[in-house]
Amino acid sequence: MDIELEKLKVIKILEETNDPLIIKAVKKMLTEMKKDWWDDLTDEQRADVAQSELEFERGEFTSYEDVMKKYR
């Protein structure tokens, strides 16, 4: 399935409708049903993120610029 082609098909169908109920339903579905990426993480991944945040707060990180200098 080509996702870009499918999106264009949906856009075309939506453009051609004048039914406010359909437009409202699609809008609601697209705005209220968005998933938060955090919900898809495993417990281990969440723990890794929390650990990374603690390390960052303690200043235990390397800046992007320093990494780029090292590997250029």
Protein backbone atom coordinates (compact mmCIF):
# COMPACT_ATOMS: atom_id res chain seq x y z
CA MET A 1 0.00 0.00 0.00
CA ASP A 2 1.35 3.39 -0.99
CA ILE A 3 0.42 5.58 1.96
CA GLU A 4 0.89 8.81 0.05
CA LEU A 5 -1.48 7.65 -2.69
CA GLU A 6 -4.06 6.59 -0.10
CA LYS A 7 -3.83 9.98 1.62
CA LEU A 8 -4.40 11.74 -1.69
CA LYS A 9 -7.46 9.57 -2.35
CA VAL A 10 -8.91 10.47 1.05
CA ILE A 11 -8.20 14.17 0.49
CA LYS A 12 -9.98 14.02 -2.88
CA ILE A 13 -13.03 12.34 -1.35
CA LEU A 14 -13.10 14.90 1.46
CA GLU A 15 -12.79 17.78 -1.02
CA GLU A 16 -15.79 16.49 -2.95
CA THR A 17 -18.14 16.18 0.02
CA ASN A 18 -20.39 18.92 1.28
CA ASP A 19 -21.76 16.90 4.17
CA PRO A 20 -20.82 18.72 7.39
CA LEU A 21 -21.34 15.55 9.44
CA ILE A 22 -18.69 13.69 7.43
CA ILE A 23 -16.28 16.61 7.65
CA LYS A 24 -16.84 16.90 11.40
CA ALA A 25 -16.39 13.13 11.90
CA VAL A 26 -13.14 13.07 9.91
CA LYS A 27 -11.82 16.11 11.76
CA LYS A 28 -12.67 14.53 15.11
CA MET A 29 -11.05 11.25 14.15
CA LEU A 30 -7.86 12.95 13.02
CA THR A 31 -7.52 15.23 16.04
CA GLU A 32 -8.79 13.10 18.91
CA MET A 33 -7.46 9.70 17.94
CA LYS A 34 -3.79 10.65 17.67
CA LYS A 35 -1.64 8.23 19.60
CA ASP A 36 1.11 9.39 21.87
CA TRP A 37 4.41 7.70 20.98
CA TRP A 38 5.04 7.22 24.70
CA ASP A 39 2.18 4.71 24.83
CA ASP A 40 3.97 2.48 22.31
CA LEU A 41 7.18 2.22 24.35
CA THR A 42 8.00 -0.83 26.42
CA ASP A 43 8.68 -0.49 30.14
CA GLU A 44 12.38 -0.96 29.42
CA GLN A 45 12.36 1.85 26.85
CA ARG A 46 10.54 4.15 29.27
CA ALA A 47 13.13 3.37 31.94
CA ASP A 48 15.91 4.19 29.44
CA VAL A 49 14.31 7.54 28.67
CA ALA A 50 13.97 8.33 32.38
CA GLN A 51 17.62 7.39 32.94
CA SER A 52 18.68 9.60 30.03
CA GLU A 53 16.76 12.53 31.49
CA LEU A 54 18.54 12.10 34.83
CA GLU A 55 21.93 11.94 33.12
CA PHE A 56 21.12 15.09 31.15
CA GLU A 57 20.08 16.95 34.30
CA ARG A 58 23.40 15.98 35.91
CA GLY A 59 25.30 17.29 32.89
CA GLU A 60 26.38 13.82 31.80
CA PHE A 61 26.09 14.28 28.06
CA THR A 62 28.08 15.23 24.99
CA SER A 63 26.89 18.11 22.85
CA TYR A 64 26.03 17.62 19.21
CA GLU A 65 28.85 19.97 18.23
CA ASP A 66 31.43 17.92 20.16
CA VAL A 67 30.25 14.69 18.58
CA MET A 68 30.46 16.26 15.10
CA LYS A 69 33.99 17.53 15.79
CA LYS A 70 35.07 14.05 16.85
CA TYR A 71 33.67 12.23 13.83
CA ARG A 72 34.38 14.67 11.01
